Amino acid sequence: MKALALTGVGPYAISEIVKNHVKTLNLKNICNLLALESLNVGDFLFITNVSKEDVISGTEGLIVQVKNISINNQNGYSRSCDEIESIVGKVQVELLGYASCSNVVETGLMDPSVVILKAKSVYEL
């Protein structure tokens, strides 16, 4: 199965997806935002806590289905950043199962990650 990947997702968020089967993720990473821009409700995603540059064949994660997507401007000032605007993406996902990456199709610096997945059965966990 070919799917877009959300990479570098925090372990707490991943455990919440596993526990509750549905979760809304708040995303700021540009590659993850570009992935959201390419998605439609009903599409499948691969979610992993591994950073984009470290996703390789064998990387494990979750297969989820997109239930809702929104991308919004957020205004706020911080002394650690010279910009007052940022973009935040929200995606609500539903857990379908576990998967491992069998091949990485795209890994350009500013491109969303595209991977080929192999679904895992509960007997492989």
N, C-alpha and C. Protein backbone atom coordinates (compact mmCIF):
# COMPACT_ATOMS: atom_id res chain seq x y z
N MET A 1 0.84 -1.17 0.00
CA MET A 1 0.00 0.00 0.00
C MET A 1 0.89 1.24 0.00
N LYS A 2 0.61 2.18 -0.88
CA LYS A 2 1.36 3.44 -0.96
C LYS A 2 0.60 4.49 -0.15
N ALA A 3 1.32 5.24 0.69
CA ALA A 3 0.66 6.24 1.54
C ALA A 3 1.60 7.39 1.85
N LEU A 4 1.02 8.53 2.14
CA LEU A 4 1.79 9.64 2.69
C LEU A 4 2.12 9.32 4.13
N ALA A 5 3.22 9.89 4.62
CA ALA A 5 3.64 9.63 6.00
C ALA A 5 3.69 10.93 6.78
N LEU A 6 3.23 10.87 8.02
CA LEU A 6 3.46 11.94 8.99
C LEU A 6 4.60 11.45 9.86
N THR A 7 5.71 12.17 9.84
CA THR A 7 6.91 11.72 10.54
C THR A 7 7.20 12.62 11.74
N GLY A 8 7.95 12.08 12.69
CA GLY A 8 8.34 12.84 13.86
C GLY A 8 7.18 13.14 14.80
N VAL A 9 6.14 12.31 14.76
CA VAL A 9 4.99 12.50 15.64
C VAL A 9 5.38 12.00 17.03
N GLY A 10 5.04 12.77 18.04
CA GLY A 10 5.45 12.45 19.41
C GLY A 10 4.90 11.12 19.90
N PRO A 11 5.68 10.43 20.74
CA PRO A 11 5.25 9.13 21.26
C PRO A 11 3.95 9.20 22.05
N TYR A 12 3.70 10.32 22.75
CA TYR A 12 2.45 10.45 23.50
C TYR A 12 1.25 10.45 22.56
N ALA A 13 1.36 11.18 21.46
CA ALA A 13 0.27 11.24 20.48
C ALA A 13 0.01 9.86 19.88
N ILE A 14 1.09 9.14 19.58
CA ILE A 14 0.94 7.79 19.02
C ILE A 14 0.26 6.87 20.02
N SER A 15 0.66 6.94 21.29
CA SER A 15 0.03 6.08 22.30
C SER A 15 -1.45 6.44 22.49
N GLU A 16 -1.80 7.73 22.33
CA GLU A 16 -3.20 8.14 22.42
C GLU A 16 -4.03 7.58 21.26
N ILE A 17 -3.45 7.54 20.08
CA ILE A 17 -4.15 6.94 18.93
C ILE A 17 -4.41 5.46 19.20
N VAL A 18 -3.39 4.76 19.70
CA VAL A 18 -3.53 3.33 19.99
C VAL A 18 -4.58 3.10 21.08
N LYS A 19 -4.56 3.94 22.10
CA LYS A 19 -5.46 3.77 23.25
C LYS A 19 -6.91 4.11 22.90
N ASN A 20 -7.13 5.24 22.22
CA ASN A 20 -8.48 5.73 21.97
C ASN A 20 -9.00 5.47 20.56
N HIS A 21 -8.13 5.05 19.66
CA HIS A 21 -8.45 4.75 18.26
C HIS A 21 -8.80 5.97 17.42
N VAL A 22 -9.06 7.12 18.04
CA VAL A 22 -9.31 8.36 17.31
C VAL A 22 -8.55 9.48 18.02
N LYS A 23 -7.89 10.35 17.24
CA LYS A 23 -7.15 11.47 17.83
C LYS A 23 -7.02 12.57 16.80
N THR A 24 -7.08 13.82 17.27
CA THR A 24 -6.79 14.98 16.43
C THR A 24 -5.37 15.42 16.71
N LEU A 25 -4.54 15.40 15.69
CA LEU A 25 -3.14 15.79 15.81
C LEU A 25 -2.98 17.25 15.41
N ASN A 26 -2.17 18.00 16.15
CA ASN A 26 -1.81 19.38 15.82
C ASN A 26 -0.40 19.36 15.26
N LEU A 27 -0.25 19.79 14.01
CA LEU A 27 1.02 19.67 13.31
C LEU A 27 1.57 21.02 12.88
N LYS A 28 2.90 21.20 13.02
CA LYS A 28 3.57 22.43 12.59
C LYS A 28 4.72 22.17 11.64
N ASN A 29 5.21 20.94 11.57
CA ASN A 29 6.33 20.61 10.69
C ASN A 29 5.92 20.82 9.24
N ILE A 30 6.74 21.54 8.47
CA ILE A 30 6.37 21.90 7.10
C ILE A 30 6.09 20.68 6.22
N CYS A 31 6.87 19.63 6.36
CA CYS A 31 6.64 18.44 5.52
C CYS A 31 5.32 17.76 5.88
N ASN A 32 4.99 17.74 7.17
CA ASN A 32 3.70 17.18 7.58
C ASN A 32 2.55 18.07 7.12
N LEU A 33 2.74 19.40 7.14
CA LEU A 33 1.71 20.31 6.63
C LEU A 33 1.51 20.12 5.12
N LEU A 34 2.60 19.93 4.39
CA LEU A 34 2.48 19.67 2.95
C LEU A 34 1.76 18.36 2.68
N ALA A 35 1.99 17.37 3.54
CA ALA A 35 1.26 16.11 3.41
C ALA A 35 -0.23 16.34 3.62
N LEU A 36 -0.59 17.13 4.64
CA LEU A 36 -2.01 17.43 4.89
C LEU A 36 -2.64 18.13 3.70
N GLU A 37 -1.88 19.03 3.08
CA GLU A 37 -2.38 19.77 1.92
C GLU A 37 -2.73 18.82 0.76
N SER A 38 -2.08 17.67 0.72
CA SER A 38 -2.30 16.69 -0.36
C SER A 38 -3.38 15.67 -0.05
N LEU A 39 -3.91 15.70 1.17
CA LEU A 39 -4.84 14.66 1.62
C LEU A 39 -6.30 15.05 1.44
N ASN A 40 -7.13 14.02 1.41
CA ASN A 40 -8.58 14.18 1.44
C ASN A 40 -9.12 13.31 2.57
N VAL A 41 -10.30 13.67 3.06
CA VAL A 41 -10.96 12.84 4.06
C VAL A 41 -11.16 11.45 3.46
N GLY A 42 -10.82 10.43 4.25
CA GLY A 42 -10.93 9.05 3.79
C GLY A 42 -9.61 8.44 3.34
N ASP A 43 -8.61 9.29 3.09
CA ASP A 43 -7.29 8.78 2.69
C ASP A 43 -6.60 8.07 3.85
N PHE A 44 -5.61 7.26 3.50
CA PHE A 44 -4.83 6.53 4.50
C PHE A 44 -3.49 7.21 4.70
N LEU A 45 -2.99 7.15 5.93
CA LEU A 45 -1.71 7.75 6.31
C LEU A 45 -0.89 6.75 7.09
N PHE A 46 0.41 6.92 7.03
CA PHE A 46 1.35 6.19 7.89
C PHE A 46 1.87 7.20 8.90
N ILE A 47 1.77 6.88 10.17
CA ILE A 47 2.24 7.77 11.23
C ILE A 47 3.36 7.08 12.00
N THR A 48 4.48 7.79 12.17
CA THR A 48 5.61 7.24 12.91
C THR A 48 6.27 8.34 13.74
N ASN A 49 6.93 7.93 14.82
CA ASN A 49 7.67 8.90 15.64
C ASN A 49 9.09 9.11 15.12
N VAL A 50 9.47 8.37 14.11
CA VAL A 50 10.81 8.47 13.51
C VAL A 50 10.88 9.74 12.66
N SER A 51 11.99 10.46 12.73
CA SER A 51 12.13 11.68 11.93
C SER A 51 12.21 11.34 10.44
N LYS A 52 11.84 12.31 9.61
CA LYS A 52 11.74 12.08 8.16
C LYS A 52 13.01 11.50 7.57
N GLU A 53 14.16 12.05 7.93
CA GLU A 53 15.41 11.58 7.34
C GLU A 53 15.82 10.19 7.82
N ASP A 54 15.21 9.71 8.89
CA ASP A 54 15.55 8.38 9.42
C ASP A 54 14.56 7.29 9.03
N VAL A 55 13.50 7.63 8.29
CA VAL A 55 12.55 6.60 7.84
C VAL A 55 13.21 5.75 6.77
N ILE A 56 13.28 4.45 7.03
CA ILE A 56 13.90 3.50 6.12
C ILE A 56 13.02 2.26 6.04
N SER A 57 13.40 1.33 5.19
CA SER A 57 12.71 0.05 5.13
C SER A 57 12.77 -0.59 6.51
N GLY A 58 11.63 -1.00 7.03
CA GLY A 58 11.56 -1.60 8.35
C GLY A 58 11.05 -0.67 9.43
N THR A 59 10.96 0.64 9.14
CA THR A 59 10.43 1.58 10.12
C THR A 59 8.99 1.22 10.43
N GLU A 60 8.65 1.18 11.72
CA GLU A 60 7.30 0.78 12.12
C GLU A 60 6.46 1.98 12.50
N GLY A 61 5.15 1.81 12.36
CA GLY A 61 4.23 2.89 12.71
C GLY A 61 2.79 2.42 12.62
N LEU A 62 1.89 3.37 12.47
CA LEU A 62 0.46 3.09 12.44
C LEU A 62 -0.12 3.42 11.07
N ILE A 63 -1.11 2.64 10.67
CA ILE A 63 -1.93 2.98 9.50
C ILE A 63 -3.21 3.60 10.07
N VAL A 64 -3.53 4.80 9.60
CA VAL A 64 -4.73 5.48 10.06
C VAL A 64 -5.52 5.98 8.85
N GLN A 65 -6.80 6.27 9.10
CA GLN A 65 -7.63 6.86 8.06
C GLN A 65 -7.99 8.29 8.49
N VAL A 66 -7.94 9.21 7.54
CA VAL A 66 -8.22 10.62 7.81
C VAL A 66 -9.73 10.82 7.95
N LYS A 67 -10.13 11.44 9.06
CA LYS A 67 -11.54 11.74 9.31
C LYS A 67 -11.87 13.21 9.11
N ASN A 68 -10.90 14.10 9.37
CA ASN A 68 -11.12 15.54 9.22
C ASN A 68 -9.77 16.23 9.07
N ILE A 69 -9.73 17.32 8.29
CA ILE A 69 -8.49 18.08 8.07
C ILE A 69 -8.81 19.57 8.13
N SER A 70 -7.93 20.33 8.79
CA SER A 70 -8.02 21.79 8.72
C SER A 70 -6.62 22.38 8.83
N ILE A 71 -6.39 23.45 8.10
CA ILE A 71 -5.11 24.17 8.14
C ILE A 71 -5.46 25.64 8.38
N ASN A 72 -4.85 26.21 9.44
CA ASN A 72 -5.22 27.56 9.87
C ASN A 72 -4.00 28.41 10.18
N ASN A 73 -4.16 29.73 10.05
CA ASN A 73 -3.15 30.68 10.52
C ASN A 73 -3.29 30.83 12.02
N GLN A 74 -2.17 31.00 12.69
CA GLN A 74 -2.17 31.22 14.13
C GLN A 74 -1.27 32.42 14.40
N ASN A 75 -1.78 33.41 15.11
CA ASN A 75 -0.99 34.60 15.44
C ASN A 75 -0.52 34.51 16.87
N GLY A 76 0.72 34.87 17.09
CA GLY A 76 1.27 34.88 18.43
C GLY A 76 2.69 35.39 18.39
N TYR A 77 3.10 36.05 19.45
CA TYR A 77 4.45 36.60 19.49
C TYR A 77 5.29 35.82 20.48
N SER A 78 6.51 35.55 20.07
CA SER A 78 7.47 34.88 20.94
C SER A 78 8.82 35.56 20.75
N ARG A 79 9.53 35.78 21.82
CA ARG A 79 10.85 36.41 21.72
C ARG A 79 11.86 35.50 21.03
N SER A 80 11.56 34.22 20.96
CA SER A 80 12.51 33.29 20.34
C SER A 80 12.35 33.20 18.82
N CYS A 81 11.33 33.89 18.28
CA CYS A 81 11.08 33.85 16.84
C CYS A 81 10.74 35.25 16.34
N ASP A 82 11.18 35.58 15.15
CA ASP A 82 10.94 36.90 14.59
C ASP A 82 9.63 37.00 13.81
N GLU A 83 8.90 35.93 13.70
CA GLU A 83 7.62 35.94 12.99
C GLU A 83 6.48 35.88 14.01
N ILE A 84 5.37 36.52 13.65
CA ILE A 84 4.21 36.47 14.55
C ILE A 84 3.12 35.54 14.03
N GLU A 85 3.26 35.09 12.79
CA GLU A 85 2.28 34.18 12.20
C GLU A 85 2.88 32.80 12.01
N SER A 86 2.07 31.80 12.25
CA SER A 86 2.49 30.44 11.92
C SER A 86 1.27 29.70 11.39
N ILE A 87 1.53 28.61 10.72
CA ILE A 87 0.46 27.78 10.19
C ILE A 87 0.40 26.51 11.01
N VAL A 88 -0.82 26.14 11.40
CA VAL A 88 -1.03 24.93 12.18
C VAL A 88 -2.02 24.06 11.43
N GLY A 89 -1.68 22.80 11.29
CA GLY A 89 -2.57 21.85 10.66
C GLY A 89 -3.16 20.92 11.70
N LYS A 90 -4.43 20.63 11.55
CA LYS A 90 -5.09 19.66 12.43
C LYS A 90 -5.65 18.56 11.55
N VAL A 91 -5.40 17.34 11.98
CA VAL A 91 -5.94 16.20 11.26
C VAL A 91 -6.48 15.20 12.28
N GLN A 92 -7.73 14.83 12.10
CA GLN A 92 -8.32 13.80 12.96
C GLN A 92 -8.17 12.47 12.25
N VAL A 93 -7.61 11.50 12.97
CA VAL A 93 -7.34 10.19 12.37
C VAL A 93 -7.98 9.09 13.20
N GLU A 94 -8.25 7.98 12.52
CA GLU A 94 -8.78 6.79 13.18
C GLU A 94 -7.83 5.63 12.91
N LEU A 95 -7.47 4.93 13.96
CA LEU A 95 -6.53 3.81 13.85
C LEU A 95 -7.14 2.65 13.06
N LEU A 96 -6.37 2.16 12.09
CA LEU A 96 -6.76 0.96 11.35
C LEU A 96 -5.88 -0.22 11.72
N GLY A 97 -4.61 0.04 12.03
CA GLY A 97 -3.71 -1.06 12.36
C GLY A 97 -2.26 -0.62 12.40
N TYR A 98 -1.39 -1.60 12.39
CA TYR A 98 0.05 -1.38 12.46
C TYR A 98 0.67 -1.73 11.11
N ALA A 99 1.79 -1.07 10.81
CA ALA A 99 2.46 -1.32 9.53
C ALA A 99 3.95 -1.09 9.68
N SER A 100 4.68 -1.63 8.72
CA SER A 100 6.10 -1.30 8.61
C SER A 100 6.34 -0.81 7.19
N CYS A 101 7.29 0.08 7.07
CA CYS A 101 7.65 0.66 5.78
C CYS A 101 8.49 -0.36 5.01
N SER A 102 8.09 -0.67 3.78
CA SER A 102 8.90 -1.58 2.98
C SER A 102 9.76 -0.83 1.97
N ASN A 103 9.40 0.44 1.68
CA ASN A 103 10.19 1.24 0.76
C ASN A 103 9.82 2.71 0.93
N VAL A 104 10.80 3.59 0.82
CA VAL A 104 10.56 5.04 0.86
C VAL A 104 10.60 5.54 -0.58
N VAL A 105 9.50 6.14 -1.03
CA VAL A 105 9.39 6.57 -2.42
C VAL A 105 9.96 7.98 -2.60
N GLU A 106 9.59 8.92 -1.71
CA GLU A 106 10.04 10.31 -1.83
C GLU A 106 10.58 10.79 -0.50
N THR A 107 11.72 11.46 -0.55
CA THR A 107 12.29 12.02 0.68
C THR A 107 12.95 13.37 0.44
N GLY A 108 12.52 14.12 -0.57
CA GLY A 108 13.08 15.44 -0.80
C GLY A 108 12.87 16.33 0.42
N LEU A 109 13.79 17.25 0.64
CA LEU A 109 13.77 18.09 1.84
C LEU A 109 12.42 18.76 2.06
N MET A 110 11.81 19.29 1.03
CA MET A 110 10.54 20.01 1.17
C MET A 110 9.34 19.22 0.63
N ASP A 111 9.52 17.93 0.42
CA ASP A 111 8.43 17.09 -0.07
C ASP A 111 7.84 16.28 1.07
N PRO A 112 6.52 16.03 1.01
CA PRO A 112 5.96 15.11 1.99
C PRO A 112 6.53 13.71 1.76
N SER A 113 6.65 12.95 2.82
CA SER A 113 7.18 11.59 2.69
C SER A 113 6.12 10.66 2.11
N VAL A 114 6.51 9.88 1.12
CA VAL A 114 5.64 8.87 0.53
C VAL A 114 6.32 7.53 0.74
N VAL A 115 5.56 6.57 1.28
CA VAL A 115 6.14 5.27 1.61
C VAL A 115 5.25 4.14 1.08
N ILE A 116 5.88 2.99 0.90
CA ILE A 116 5.15 1.76 0.59
C ILE A 116 5.09 0.98 1.90
N LEU A 117 3.88 0.56 2.27
CA LEU A 117 3.67 -0.08 3.57
C LEU A 117 3.33 -1.55 3.45
N LYS A 118 3.69 -2.27 4.49
CA LYS A 118 3.26 -3.65 4.65
C LYS A 118 2.50 -3.71 5.97
N ALA A 119 1.21 -4.04 5.89
CA ALA A 119 0.40 -4.15 7.10
C ALA A 119 0.92 -5.30 7.94
N LYS A 120 0.86 -5.12 9.26
CA LYS A 120 1.32 -6.15 10.18
C LYS A 120 0.11 -6.79 10.86
N SER A 121 0.14 -8.09 11.00
CA SER A 121 -0.92 -8.76 11.73
C SER A 121 -0.59 -8.72 13.22
N VAL A 122 -1.59 -8.98 14.05
CA VAL A 122 -1.35 -8.98 15.49
C VAL A 122 -0.37 -10.06 15.89
N TYR A 123 -0.20 -11.07 15.06
CA TYR A 123 0.73 -12.16 15.37
C TYR A 123 2.18 -11.75 15.17
N GLU A 124 2.41 -10.66 14.41
CA GLU A 124 3.77 -10.18 14.16
C GLU A 124 4.23 -9.18 15.21
N LEU A 125 3.32 -8.71 16.07
CA LEU A 125 3.67 -7.67 17.05
C LEU A 125 4.49 -8.21 18.18
